[in-house]
Every structure is written in C-alpha cells, then in structure tokens.
C-alpha atoms as a PDB file:
ATOM      1  CA  MET A   1     210.477 101.227  59.554  1.00  0.00           C
ATOM      2  CA  PRO A   2     212.573 100.308  62.630  1.00  0.00           C
ATOM      3  CA  GLU A   3     213.523  96.664  63.079  1.00  0.00           C
ATOM      4  CA  ASN A   4     211.580  96.470  66.336  1.00  0.00           C
ATOM      5  CA  PRO A   5     208.692  98.949  66.217  1.00  0.00           C
ATOM      6  CA  LYS A   6     207.386 100.108  69.583  1.00  0.00           C
ATOM      7  CA  ASN A   7     203.815  99.591  70.744  1.00  0.00           C
ATOM      8  CA  PHE A   8     201.854 102.698  71.727  1.00  0.00           C
ATOM      9  CA  ALA A   9     198.575 103.480  73.444  1.00  0.00           C
ATOM     10  CA  LEU A  10     197.062 106.971  73.290  1.00  0.00           C
ATOM     11  CA  ILE A  11     194.787 108.698  75.802  1.00  0.00           C
ATOM     12  CA  GLY A  12     192.758 111.656  74.531  1.00  0.00           C
ATOM     13  CA  VAL A  13     192.671 110.745  70.846  1.00  0.00           C
ATOM     14  CA  ALA A  14     189.690 113.027  70.077  1.00  0.00           C
ATOM     15  CA  GLY A  15     191.566 116.172  71.127  1.00  0.00           C
ATOM     16  CA  TYR A  16     192.937 118.547  68.492  1.00  0.00           C
ATOM     17  CA  ILE A  17     196.592 117.935  69.397  1.00  0.00           C
ATOM     18  CA  ALA A  18     196.249 114.139  69.217  1.00  0.00           C
ATOM     19  CA  VAL A  19     196.608 114.165  65.414  1.00  0.00           C
ATOM     20  CA  ARG A  20     200.195 115.342  65.789  1.00  0.00           C
ATOM     21  CA  HIS A  21     200.874 112.396  68.080  1.00  0.00           C
ATOM     22  CA  LEU A  22     199.247 109.948  65.659  1.00  0.00           C
ATOM     23  CA  GLN A  23     201.390 111.372  62.895  1.00  0.00           C
ATOM     24  CA  ALA A  24     204.529 111.181  65.030  1.00  0.00           C
ATOM     25  CA  ILE A  25     203.915 107.546  65.980  1.00  0.00           C
ATOM     26  CA  LYS A  26     203.364 106.646  62.321  1.00  0.00           C
ATOM     27  CA  GLU A  27     206.268 108.667  60.924  1.00  0.00           C
ATOM     28  CA  THR A  28     208.702 107.126  63.415  1.00  0.00           C
ATOM     29  CA  GLY A  29     207.615 103.659  62.219  1.00  0.00           C
ATOM     30  CA  ASN A  30     205.829 102.515  65.346  1.00  0.00           C
ATOM     31  CA  LYS A  31     202.365 101.067  66.082  1.00  0.00           C
ATOM     32  CA  LEU A  32     199.284 102.307  67.908  1.00  0.00           C
ATOM     33  CA  LEU A  33     197.485  99.360  69.496  1.00  0.00           C
ATOM     34  CA  ALA A  34     194.814 101.122  71.559  1.00  0.00           C
ATOM     35  CA  ALA A  35     193.279 104.568  72.047  1.00  0.00           C
ATOM     36  CA  LEU A  36     190.917 106.096  74.592  1.00  0.00           C
ATOM     37  CA  ASP A  37     188.581 109.078  74.607  1.00  0.00           C
ATOM     38  CA  PRO A  38     185.097 109.600  76.090  1.00  0.00           C
ATOM     39  CA  PHE A  39     184.204 111.374  72.834  1.00  0.00           C
ATOM     40  CA  ASP A  40     183.798 109.124  69.824  1.00  0.00           C
ATOM     41  CA  SER A  41     184.473 111.562  66.967  1.00  0.00           C
ATOM     42  CA  VAL A  42     187.783 109.904  66.198  1.00  0.00           C
ATOM     43  CA  GLY A  43     187.662 109.201  62.479  1.00  0.00           C
ATOM     44  CA  CYS A  44     191.150 110.671  62.244  1.00  0.00           C
ATOM     45  CA  ILE A  45     192.461 107.316  63.454  1.00  0.00           C
ATOM     46  CA  ASP A  46     191.624 105.826  60.058  1.00  0.00           C
ATOM     47  CA  SER A  47     194.321 107.938  58.395  1.00  0.00           C
ATOM     48  CA  TYR A  48     196.982 106.508  60.665  1.00  0.00           C
ATOM     49  CA  PHE A  49     196.084 103.297  62.522  1.00  0.00           C
ATOM     50  CA  PRO A  50     192.704 101.911  61.420  1.00  0.00           C
ATOM     51  CA  GLU A  51     193.435  98.610  63.186  1.00  0.00           C
ATOM     52  CA  ALA A  52     193.886 100.236  66.594  1.00  0.00           C
ATOM     53  CA  ASP A  53     191.323  99.308  69.236  1.00  0.00           C
ATOM     54  CA  PHE A  54     189.284 102.249  70.535  1.00  0.00           C
ATOM     55  CA  PHE A  55     187.559 102.734  73.879  1.00  0.00           C
ATOM     56  CA  VAL A  56     185.288 105.406  75.329  1.00  0.00           C
ATOM     57  CA  GLU A  57     185.482 104.060  78.900  1.00  0.00           C
ATOM     58  CA  PHE A  58     188.719 104.112  80.874  1.00  0.00           C
ATOM     59  CA  GLU A  59     187.830 100.880  82.692  1.00  0.00           C
ATOM     60  CA  ARG A  60     187.601  98.910  79.442  1.00  0.00           C
ATOM     61  CA  PHE A  61     190.755 100.536  78.095  1.00  0.00           C
ATOM     62  CA  ASP A  62     192.566  99.605  81.321  1.00  0.00           C
ATOM     63  CA  ARG A  63     191.347  96.018  81.076  1.00  0.00           C
ATOM     64  CA  HIS A  64     192.410  95.799  77.427  1.00  0.00           C
ATOM     65  CA  ILE A  65     195.951  97.010  78.171  1.00  0.00           C
ATOM     66  CA  ASP A  66     196.175  94.490  81.008  1.00  0.00           C
ATOM     67  CA  LYS A  67     194.916  91.719  78.721  1.00  0.00           C
ATOM     68  CA  LEU A  68     197.543  92.568  76.106  1.00  0.00           C
ATOM     69  CA  LYS A  69     200.238  92.373  78.771  1.00  0.00           C
ATOM     70  CA  ARG A  70     199.010  88.969  79.934  1.00  0.00           C
ATOM     71  CA  VAL A  71     199.285  87.513  76.429  1.00  0.00           C
ATOM     72  CA  GLY A  72     202.786  88.913  75.976  1.00  0.00           C
ATOM     73  CA  THR A  73     202.079  92.122  74.054  1.00  0.00           C
ATOM     74  CA  ARG A  74     203.708  94.938  75.932  1.00  0.00           C
ATOM     75  CA  ILE A  75     202.796  98.608  75.569  1.00  0.00           C
ATOM     76  CA  ASP A  76     206.090 100.495  75.393  1.00  0.00           C
ATOM     77  CA  TYR A  77     204.725 104.052  75.494  1.00  0.00           C
ATOM     78  CA  VAL A  78     201.468 105.738  76.471  1.00  0.00           C
ATOM     79  CA  SER A  79     200.931 109.095  74.772  1.00  0.00           C
ATOM     80  CA  ILE A  80     198.788 111.447  76.856  1.00  0.00           C
ATOM     81  CA  CYS A  81     196.685 114.180  75.222  1.00  0.00           C
ATOM     82  CA  SER A  82     193.942 114.364  77.837  1.00  0.00           C
ATOM     83  CA  PRO A  83     192.781 117.529  79.682  1.00  0.00           C
ATOM     84  CA  ASN A  84     195.482 119.105  81.853  1.00  0.00           C
ATOM     85  CA  TYR A  85     194.056 118.070  85.219  1.00  0.00           C
ATOM     86  CA  LEU A  86     194.090 114.389  84.192  1.00  0.00           C
ATOM     87  CA  HIS A  87     197.730 114.266  83.118  1.00  0.00           C
ATOM     88  CA  ASP A  88     199.012 113.282  86.550  1.00  0.00           C
ATOM     89  CA  SER A  89     196.615 110.338  86.827  1.00  0.00           C
ATOM     90  CA  HIS A  90     197.194 109.129  83.271  1.00  0.00           C
ATOM     91  CA  ILE A  91     200.975 109.319  83.692  1.00  0.00           C
ATOM     92  CA  ARG A  92     200.663 107.150  86.787  1.00  0.00           C
ATOM     93  CA  PHE A  93     198.553 104.675  84.837  1.00  0.00           C
ATOM     94  CA  ALA A  94     201.183 104.446  82.096  1.00  0.00           C
ATOM     95  CA  LEU A  95     204.061 103.768  84.471  1.00  0.00           C
ATOM     96  CA  ARG A  96     202.122 101.204  86.485  1.00  0.00           C
ATOM     97  CA  GLN A  97     201.409  99.358  83.243  1.00  0.00           C
ATOM     98  CA  GLY A  98     205.148  99.144  82.605  1.00  0.00           C
ATOM     99  CA  ALA A  99     205.194 101.811  79.889  1.00  0.00           C
ATOM    100  CA  ASP A 100     207.003 105.111  79.541  1.00  0.00           C
ATOM    101  CA  ALA A 101     204.734 108.172  79.359  1.00  0.00           C
ATOM    102  CA  ILE A 102     204.840 110.880  76.689  1.00  0.00           C
ATOM    103  CA  CYS A 103     202.686 113.750  77.927  1.00  0.00           C
ATOM    104  CA  GLU A 104     201.501 117.012  76.424  1.00  0.00           C
ATOM    105  CA  LYS A 105     202.188 120.217  78.326  1.00  0.00           C
ATOM    106  CA  PRO A 106     201.562 121.229  80.996  1.00  0.00           C
ATOM    107  CA  LEU A 107     202.939 118.016  82.387  1.00  0.00           C
ATOM    108  CA  VAL A 108     201.080 118.673  85.665  1.00  0.00           C
ATOM    109  CA  LEU A 109     199.367 121.674  87.260  1.00  0.00           C
ATOM    110  CA  ASN A 110     201.315 121.923  90.530  1.00  0.00           C
ATOM    111  CA  PRO A 111     205.051 121.731  91.301  1.00  0.00           C
ATOM    112  CA  TRP A 112     204.592 119.117  94.046  1.00  0.00           C
ATOM    113  CA  ASN A 113     203.008 116.756  91.521  1.00  0.00           C
ATOM    114  CA  LEU A 114     206.432 116.536  89.876  1.00  0.00           C
ATOM    115  CA  ASP A 115     207.989 115.311  93.116  1.00  0.00           C
ATOM    116  CA  ALA A 116     205.361 112.576  93.510  1.00  0.00           C
ATOM    117  CA  LEU A 117     205.833 111.468  89.900  1.00  0.00           C
ATOM    118  CA  ALA A 118     209.604 111.294  90.423  1.00  0.00           C
ATOM    119  CA  GLU A 119     208.954 108.738  93.170  1.00  0.00           C
ATOM    120  CA  ILE A 120     206.855 106.625  90.806  1.00  0.00           C
ATOM    121  CA  GLU A 121     209.631 106.775  88.214  1.00  0.00           C
ATOM    122  CA  LYS A 122     211.978 105.330  90.853  1.00  0.00           C
ATOM    123  CA  GLU A 123     209.484 102.661  91.869  1.00  0.00           C
ATOM    124  CA  THR A 124     208.726 101.483  88.333  1.00  0.00           C
ATOM    125  CA  GLY A 125     211.983 102.177  86.525  1.00  0.00           C
ATOM    126  CA  LYS A 126     209.998 103.842  83.738  1.00  0.00           C
ATOM    127  CA  LYS A 127     210.373 107.369  82.336  1.00  0.00           C
ATOM    128  CA  ILE A 128     208.096 110.386  81.929  1.00  0.00           C
ATOM    129  CA  TYR A 129     208.672 112.634  78.930  1.00  0.00           C
ATOM    130  CA  ASN A 130     207.174 116.066  78.247  1.00  0.00           C
ATOM    131  CA  ILE A 131     206.394 117.545  74.827  1.00  0.00           C
ATOM    132  CA  LEU A 132     208.516 120.706  74.754  1.00  0.00           C
ATOM    133  CA  GLN A 133     208.635 121.136  71.009  1.00  0.00           C
ATOM    134  CA  LEU A 134     209.702 124.802  70.989  1.00  0.00           C
ATOM    135  CA  ARG A 135     213.091 123.635  72.230  1.00  0.00           C
ATOM    136  CA  LEU A 136     213.530 121.881  68.880  1.00  0.00           C
ATOM    137  CA  HIS A 137     212.466 124.775  66.651  1.00  0.00           C
ATOM    138  CA  PRO A 138     215.398 125.914  64.455  1.00  0.00           C
ATOM    139  CA  ALA A 139     214.817 129.621  65.181  1.00  0.00           C
ATOM    140  CA  ILE A 140     214.714 128.982  68.940  1.00  0.00           C
ATOM    141  CA  LEU A 141     217.830 126.816  68.806  1.00  0.00           C
ATOM    142  CA  GLU A 142     219.609 129.593  66.906  1.00  0.00           C
ATOM    143  CA  LEU A 143     218.523 132.144  69.518  1.00  0.00           C
ATOM    144  CA  LYS A 144     219.684 129.937  72.391  1.00  0.00           C
ATOM    145  CA  GLU A 145     223.120 129.576  70.804  1.00  0.00           C
ATOM    146  CA  LYS A 146     223.332 133.334  70.255  1.00  0.00           C
ATOM    147  CA  ILE A 147     222.495 134.087  73.906  1.00  0.00           C
ATOM    148  CA  ARG A 148     224.897 131.394  75.124  1.00  0.00           C
ATOM    149  CA  ASN A 149     227.780 133.105  73.358  1.00  0.00           C
ATOM    150  CA  GLU A 150     227.041 136.582  74.740  1.00  0.00           C
ATOM    151  CA  PRO A 151     228.656 138.143  77.823  1.00  0.00           C
ATOM    152  CA  ALA A 152     227.183 136.568  80.962  1.00  0.00           C
ATOM    153  CA  ASP A 153     225.976 139.907  82.326  1.00  0.00           C
ATOM    154  CA  LYS A 154     224.033 141.016  79.245  1.00  0.00           C
ATOM    155  CA  ILE A 155     220.309 141.549  79.966  1.00  0.00           C
ATOM    156  CA  HIS A 156     217.677 141.648  77.206  1.00  0.00           C
ATOM    157  CA  ASP A 157     214.300 143.378  77.085  1.00  0.00           C
ATOM    158  CA  ILE A 158     211.576 141.066  75.771  1.00  0.00           C
ATOM    159  CA  ASP A 159     207.915 141.580  74.931  1.00  0.00           C
ATOM    160  CA  LEU A 160     205.847 138.408  74.551  1.00  0.00           C
ATOM    161  CA  SER A 161     202.340 138.774  73.103  1.00  0.00           C
ATOM    162  CA  TYR A 162     200.036 135.877  72.326  1.00  0.00           C
ATOM    163  CA  ILE A 163     196.369 136.624  71.668  1.00  0.00           C
ATOM    164  CA  THR A 164     194.387 133.733  70.250  1.00  0.00           C
ATOM    165  CA  SER A 165     190.649 134.386  70.004  1.00  0.00           C
ATOM    166  CA  ARG A 166     188.330 131.774  71.480  1.00  0.00           C
ATOM    167  CA  GLY A 167     184.548 131.633  71.258  1.00  0.00           C
ATOM    168  CA  HIS A 168     181.911 131.125  73.955  1.00  0.00           C
ATOM    169  CA  TRP A 169     182.537 127.355  73.887  1.00  0.00           C
ATOM    170  CA  TYR A 170     185.895 127.855  75.630  1.00  0.00           C
ATOM    171  CA  HIS A 171     184.400 128.724  79.012  1.00  0.00           C
ATOM    172  CA  ILE A 172     181.902 125.863  78.835  1.00  0.00           C
ATOM    173  CA  SER A 173     184.666 123.343  78.183  1.00  0.00           C
ATOM    174  CA  TRP A 174     187.242 122.119  80.689  1.00  0.00           C
ATOM    175  CA  LYS A 175     189.650 124.741  79.309  1.00  0.00           C
ATOM    176  CA  GLY A 176     187.611 127.509  80.901  1.00  0.00           C
ATOM    177  CA  ASN A 177     187.686 125.822  84.312  1.00  0.00           C
ATOM    178  CA  MET A 178     190.660 127.059  86.357  1.00  0.00           C
ATOM    179  CA  GLN A 179     190.767 123.858  88.417  1.00  0.00           C
ATOM    180  CA  LYS A 180     190.971 121.715  85.278  1.00  0.00           C
ATOM    181  CA  SER A 181     193.116 123.757  82.899  1.00  0.00           C
ATOM    182  CA  GLY A 182     195.105 125.984  85.237  1.00  0.00           C
ATOM    183  CA  GLY A 183     193.782 129.105  83.533  1.00  0.00           C
ATOM    184  CA  VAL A 184     194.908 131.074  80.494  1.00  0.00           C
ATOM    185  CA  ALA A 185     198.572 131.380  81.518  1.00  0.00           C
ATOM    186  CA  THR A 186     198.862 127.621  81.932  1.00  0.00           C
ATOM    187  CA  ASN A 187     196.721 126.535  79.017  1.00  0.00           C
ATOM    188  CA  ILE A 188     198.201 128.709  76.280  1.00  0.00           C
ATOM    189  CA  GLY A 189     201.374 130.093  77.850  1.00  0.00           C
ATOM    190  CA  VAL A 190     203.306 127.330  79.574  1.00  0.00           C
ATOM    191  CA  HIS A 191     205.372 126.435  76.486  1.00  0.00           C
ATOM    192  CA  PHE A 192     206.441 130.077  76.061  1.00  0.00           C
ATOM    193  CA  PHE A 193     207.571 130.263  79.677  1.00  0.00           C
ATOM    194  CA  ASP A 194     209.495 127.022  79.201  1.00  0.00           C
ATOM    195  CA  MET A 195     211.230 128.402  76.133  1.00  0.00           C
ATOM    196  CA  LEU A 196     212.125 131.709  77.790  1.00  0.00           C
ATOM    197  CA  THR A 197     213.609 130.145  80.930  1.00  0.00           C
ATOM    198  CA  TRP A 198     215.441 127.530  78.831  1.00  0.00           C
ATOM    199  CA  ILE A 199     217.213 130.337  76.981  1.00  0.00           C
ATOM    200  CA  PHE A 200     217.382 133.203  79.493  1.00  0.00           C
ATOM    201  CA  GLY A 201     217.710 131.380  82.809  1.00  0.00           C
ATOM    202  CA  ASP A 202     215.983 131.125  86.169  1.00  0.00           C
ATOM    203  CA  VAL A 203     213.267 133.392  87.511  1.00  0.00           C
ATOM    204  CA  ARG A 204     214.324 136.176  89.873  1.00  0.00           C
ATOM    205  CA  GLU A 205     210.960 137.948  90.022  1.00  0.00           C
ATOM    206  CA  ASN A 206     207.454 137.032  88.855  1.00  0.00           C
ATOM    207  CA  ILE A 207     204.882 139.856  88.968  1.00  0.00           C
ATOM    208  CA  VAL A 208     201.290 139.474  87.767  1.00  0.00           C
ATOM    209  CA  HIS A 209     199.623 142.660  86.512  1.00  0.00           C
ATOM    210  CA  VAL A 210     196.323 141.243  85.213  1.00  0.00           C
ATOM    211  CA  SER A 211     194.685 137.861  85.667  1.00  0.00           C
ATOM    212  CA  ASP A 212     191.102 136.936  84.796  1.00  0.00           C
ATOM    213  CA  LYS A 213     189.236 134.261  82.861  1.00  0.00           C
ATOM    214  CA  ASN A 214     190.222 135.735  79.468  1.00  0.00           C
ATOM    215  CA  ARG A 215     193.745 137.003  79.922  1.00  0.00           C
ATOM    216  CA  ALA A 216     196.864 137.127  82.042  1.00  0.00           C
ATOM    217  CA  ALA A 217     199.768 139.548  81.877  1.00  0.00           C
ATOM    218  CA  GLY A 218     202.815 140.291  83.940  1.00  0.00           C
ATOM    219  CA  PHE A 219     206.545 140.784  84.245  1.00  0.00           C
ATOM    220  CA  LEU A 220     209.247 138.153  84.561  1.00  0.00           C
ATOM    221  CA  HIS A 221     212.763 139.056  85.621  1.00  0.00           C
ATOM    222  CA  LEU A 222     215.028 136.250  84.410  1.00  0.00           C
ATOM    223  CA  GLU A 223     218.793 135.896  84.790  1.00  0.00           C
ATOM    224  CA  LYS A 224     219.371 137.336  81.317  1.00  0.00           C
ATOM    225  CA  ALA A 225     216.094 139.034  80.422  1.00  0.00           C
ATOM    226  CA  ARG A 226     213.303 141.346  81.514  1.00  0.00           C
ATOM    227  CA  VAL A 227     210.074 140.004  80.047  1.00  0.00           C
ATOM    228  CA  ARG A 228     206.761 141.833  79.694  1.00  0.00           C
ATOM    229  CA  TRP A 229     204.171 139.243  78.719  1.00  0.00           C
ATOM    230  CA  LEU A 230     200.523 139.148  77.705  1.00  0.00           C
ATOM    231  CA  LEU A 231     198.371 136.077  77.015  1.00  0.00           C
ATOM    232  CA  SER A 232     194.735 136.418  75.987  1.00  0.00           C
ATOM    233  CA  ILE A 233     191.824 134.544  74.419  1.00  0.00           C
ATOM    234  CA  ASP A 234     189.725 137.706  74.008  1.00  0.00           C
ATOM    235  CA  HIS A 235     189.250 138.898  70.419  1.00  0.00           C
ATOM    236  CA  ASN A 236     188.886 142.462  71.693  1.00  0.00           C
ATOM    237  CA  ASP A 237     192.510 142.438  72.871  1.00  0.00           C
ATOM    238  CA  LEU A 238     193.880 142.021  69.339  1.00  0.00           C
ATOM    239  CA  PRO A 239     195.721 145.018  67.866  1.00  0.00           C
ATOM    240  CA  ARG A 240     193.410 147.084  65.658  1.00  0.00           C
ATOM    241  CA  GLU A 241     195.314 146.286  62.455  1.00  0.00           C
ATOM    242  CA  VAL A 242     195.040 142.554  63.137  1.00  0.00           C
ATOM    243  CA  LYS A 243     191.273 142.774  63.669  1.00  0.00           C
ATOM    244  CA  ASN A 244     190.860 144.938  60.563  1.00  0.00           C
ATOM    245  CA  ALA A 245     192.673 142.287  58.536  1.00  0.00           C
ATOM    246  CA  GLY A 246     190.159 139.675  59.720  1.00  0.00           C
ATOM    247  CA  ARG A 247     192.738 137.646  61.631  1.00  0.00           C
ATOM    248  CA  ARG A 248     191.946 136.083  64.993  1.00  0.00           C
ATOM    249  CA  THR A 249     195.427 135.380  66.307  1.00  0.00           C
ATOM    250  CA  PHE A 250     198.420 137.581  67.060  1.00  0.00           C
ATOM    251  CA  ARG A 251     201.727 136.128  68.202  1.00  0.00           C
ATOM    252  CA  SER A 252     204.863 138.168  68.689  1.00  0.00           C
ATOM    253  CA  ILE A 253     208.140 137.967  70.558  1.00  0.00           C
ATOM    254  CA  THR A 254     210.469 140.941  70.342  1.00  0.00           C
ATOM    255  CA  ILE A 255     213.939 140.982  71.853  1.00  0.00           C
ATOM    256  CA  ASP A 256     215.451 144.428  72.252  1.00  0.00           C
ATOM    257  CA  GLY A 257     212.896 145.665  69.717  1.00  0.00           C
ATOM    258  CA  GLN A 258     213.662 142.998  67.110  1.00  0.00           C
ATOM    259  CA  ASP A 259     211.003 140.471  66.083  1.00  0.00           C
ATOM    260  CA  ILE A 260     211.829 136.787  66.480  1.00  0.00           C
ATOM    261  CA  GLU A 261     210.093 134.848  63.691  1.00  0.00           C
ATOM    262  CA  PHE A 262     209.156 131.312  64.653  1.00  0.00           C
ATOM    263  CA  SER A 263     205.599 130.940  63.354  1.00  0.00           C
ATOM    264  CA  GLU A 264     206.648 128.477  60.646  1.00  0.00           C
ATOM    265  CA  GLY A 265     207.932 124.949  61.036  1.00  0.00           C
ATOM    266  CA  PHE A 266     205.662 123.706  63.845  1.00  0.00           C
ATOM    267  CA  ALA A 267     204.115 120.794  61.926  1.00  0.00           C
ATOM    268  CA  GLU A 268     207.170 118.538  62.153  1.00  0.00           C
ATOM    269  CA  LEU A 269     208.180 119.300  65.738  1.00  0.00           C
ATOM    270  CA  HIS A 270     206.082 116.585  67.405  1.00  0.00           C
ATOM    271  CA  THR A 271     207.629 113.968  65.137  1.00  0.00           C
ATOM    272  CA  GLU A 272     211.106 115.256  65.928  1.00  0.00           C
ATOM    273  CA  THR A 273     210.220 115.199  69.646  1.00  0.00           C
ATOM    274  CA  TYR A 274     209.253 111.542  69.313  1.00  0.00           C
ATOM    275  CA  ARG A 275     212.517 110.776  67.539  1.00  0.00           C
ATOM    276  CA  GLN A 276     214.401 112.380  70.422  1.00  0.00           C
ATOM    277  CA  ILE A 277     212.422 110.383  73.008  1.00  0.00           C
ATOM    278  CA  LEU A 278     212.802 107.097  71.144  1.00  0.00           C
ATOM    279  CA  GLY A 279     216.533 107.798  70.941  1.00  0.00           C
ATOM    280  CA  GLY A 280     216.735 108.317  74.712  1.00  0.00           C
ATOM    281  CA  ARG A 281     217.138 112.101  74.501  1.00  0.00           C
ATOM    282  CA  GLY A 282     213.682 113.324  75.513  1.00  0.00           C
ATOM    283  CA  TYR A 283     212.906 115.992  78.100  1.00  0.00           C
ATOM    284  CA  GLY A 284     211.853 114.580  81.457  1.00  0.00           C
ATOM    285  CA  LEU A 285     210.306 115.778  84.699  1.00  0.00           C
ATOM    286  CA  GLU A 286     212.929 118.290  85.742  1.00  0.00           C
ATOM    287  CA  ALA A 287     212.877 119.988  82.352  1.00  0.00           C
ATOM    288  CA  ALA A 288     209.252 120.925  83.020  1.00  0.00           C
ATOM    289  CA  ARG A 289     209.748 122.247  86.552  1.00  0.00           C
ATOM    290  CA  ARG A 290     210.535 125.928  85.937  1.00  0.00           C
ATOM    291  CA  SER A 291     207.544 126.534  83.664  1.00  0.00           C
ATOM    292  CA  ILE A 292     205.206 124.677  86.052  1.00  0.00           C
ATOM    293  CA  GLU A 293     206.447 126.837  88.944  1.00  0.00           C
ATOM    294  CA  ILE A 294     205.925 130.008  86.901  1.00  0.00           C
ATOM    295  CA  VAL A 295     202.309 129.271  85.953  1.00  0.00           C
ATOM    296  CA  TYR A 296     201.513 128.041  89.459  1.00  0.00           C
ATOM    297  CA  THR A 297     202.757 131.362  90.868  1.00  0.00           C
ATOM    298  CA  ILE A 298     200.770 133.321  88.282  1.00  0.00           C
ATOM    299  CA  ARG A 299     197.614 131.363  89.119  1.00  0.00           C
ATOM    300  CA  ASN A 300     197.992 132.011  92.829  1.00  0.00           C
ATOM    301  CA  SER A 301     199.152 135.641  92.802  1.00  0.00           C
ATOM    302  CA  ALA A 302     196.987 138.684  93.432  1.00  0.00           C
ATOM    303  CA  PRO A 303     197.185 140.961  90.366  1.00  0.00           C
ATOM    304  CA  ALA A 304     199.128 144.155  91.017  1.00  0.00           C
ATOM    305  CA  GLY A 305     197.292 146.206  88.402  1.00  0.00           C
ATOM    306  CA  LEU A 306     199.055 148.591  86.020  1.00  0.00           C
ATOM    307  CA  LEU A 307     202.084 149.243  88.181  1.00  0.00           C
ATOM    308  CA  GLY A 308     205.747 149.001  87.311  1.00  0.00           C
ATOM    309  CA  ASP A 309     206.950 147.714  83.956  1.00  0.00           C
ATOM    310  CA  TYR A 310     203.822 146.276  82.303  1.00  0.00           C
ATOM    311  CA  HIS A 311     203.026 145.074  78.778  1.00  0.00           C
ATOM    312  CA  PRO A 312     202.440 147.979  76.343  1.00  0.00           C
ATOM    313  CA  PHE A 313     199.029 146.599  75.248  1.00  0.00           C
ATOM    314  CA  LEU A 314     197.621 146.722  78.769  1.00  0.00           C
ATOM    315  CA  ALA A 315     196.864 150.443  78.866  1.00  0.00           C
ATOM    316  CA  GLU A 316     194.531 150.103  75.873  1.00  0.00           C
ATOM    317  CA  ILE A 317     193.037 146.827  77.108  1.00  0.00           C
ATOM    318  CA  ALA A 318     192.319 148.376  80.514  1.00  0.00           C
ATOM    319  CA  LYS A 319     190.028 150.939  78.863  1.00  0.00           C
ATOM    320  CA  ASN A 320     187.698 148.106  77.809  1.00  0.00           C
ATOM    321  CA  LEU A 321     187.694 146.206  81.113  1.00  0.00           C
END
C-alpha cells in the first residue's frame, strides 16, 4: 500500500474491460471513490471497492465529484471505460475536475480531437493517458528490441489476422454503430496498429481492400514493414481448422513467415500500465496519434477490392460475400 494512495473515479464500470481497471486500481494500492454507468449490473465492484459510491446518471455523478472537491477530497484520476464516442467528452470532464484521465483505446475517434485535448491539457495542467498495454507485453518488447538492432534498411513482411466472432447483439449495441465505435478496424484493431507503428515506424501507404460492418482488411506500408492485415467479427471468416475445433477466435501475427506468440500474459498488463502512469511514465496524447490516424483513414477510404498485395484469407472470404 503506498503511503499516500490516490483517489480514483471510474466511468463505464459495467463494461467488460472495467474489471481490469478495478483490479489495477486495487493492486496498485489506490482507492475508488465513485463509479458511473447507465447500466446497473455492477456487482463486480464488490470484489474490489464495495464502499465506492455508484451512479447511473452522469448529472448526479458530476455533482458528487464536485461535492467531494468542495469538502477537500480530491479525485486524482478518472479512469474511462465508456463507449468510444464518449471518450473525448469524459476526458474533458476529468481534466476540468482537476484530475488526470486514464482512457481506454481508442483515445478518440478523430485525429483533430487530439489537438483539442492538447489545448485542454495546457489550460488545466492535467495529463491524459492512454491504455496501450501491448507496448508492455514481454514478447512485444523483445520484438521491438530485435528490430531496433537490425540494419535500418531492412524491411519485413507481416501478416496480421484477428478474427473474433461476435453474435447478433454486436450490431444492436453501440459497437455496431460506425459513428459511435469507429467500425471494426477501430474497435478491435487500433491496439494492433499502435503496436506495429511503435515497432516498425511511420505509415508510408495505407490501402483498404475490404471494409464493411463485419470486417476490414488492407495493406500498410511502414518504414520497416509491409503489413497485410485482416480484422473480422464474422464467424464465417475463421479458418476451417479453427471452426472445426469449435473455437471462435483466431489471432495471428507472422513476421517473415514466423509466428509471434503473444497470446499469454495479458491479464497483468493493465496493472503494469497503471504502475507506469502512477510513476509518471504513461503514454500520452501523442503516443496515440499514429494509430488514430490509421483507423480514421481506413474508416474514410473507399475499398479498393482485391487488388495489389492483399491478405491471403481474402480470396476465400470473397467467395462468401
């Protein structure tokens, strides 16, 4: 337990990712004073902070945070696990309350939102941190070091495949609404694009081959890599052997034909991210910029179809479209 534990508030506590934030706050020895979510299925709080106040209306949550401030109890951090399109607003709320913001990815949906948030950071003197936990994964850190020590002109060929089956509920929820989630590439792919650009450098070319409500695929030419990528929530896009085994998710990254194994070790990464942030080493606005620009371009590009260097799964997928 730290000598001076920090006070947290959490927005979006009913979401599936919020449990990792609750765990991180607890494991770093800090306190959750208040939580907000319009949905009230939040019994998970009892396992971490049963004394935390809970609100289903933003107005009452806002008033409570203000009341705490007036009696001398300051909220140091607001953790944000709300739907993607609300991140910008909830970050602004945190900073205007005198707290730093810790926000799930994507930090925002549009690149210009980052510029506006940078102005609020200057105005308030508070910081905005993004959860970019792949940057802390041991296998990814090892890969980054390997690439850093290679000749500067070496270019790698990468295939990224992430197919995670979702049911009919997905398109009824905010996640299926392009204006709210940013679409498949943003909702399930932004952390992969962050990781790839963090290791292999800036984008030179961004081509979209396929983009619809269930999948997105394309080609990224980075400084040190050529990347064919596919992201999908459609069970039918899974490789036949994966479906036959009864699995609903397939995740693979190959570099020059070699698999990169990083499926293990995710459970602790949010806690480690919090330790980094609390120690003043968290990833801020600019760290998120390249991945936000990539998914924005994908969302606003006309698909080129199966032309050029496209993902090897697309030929089979196209037969079922």
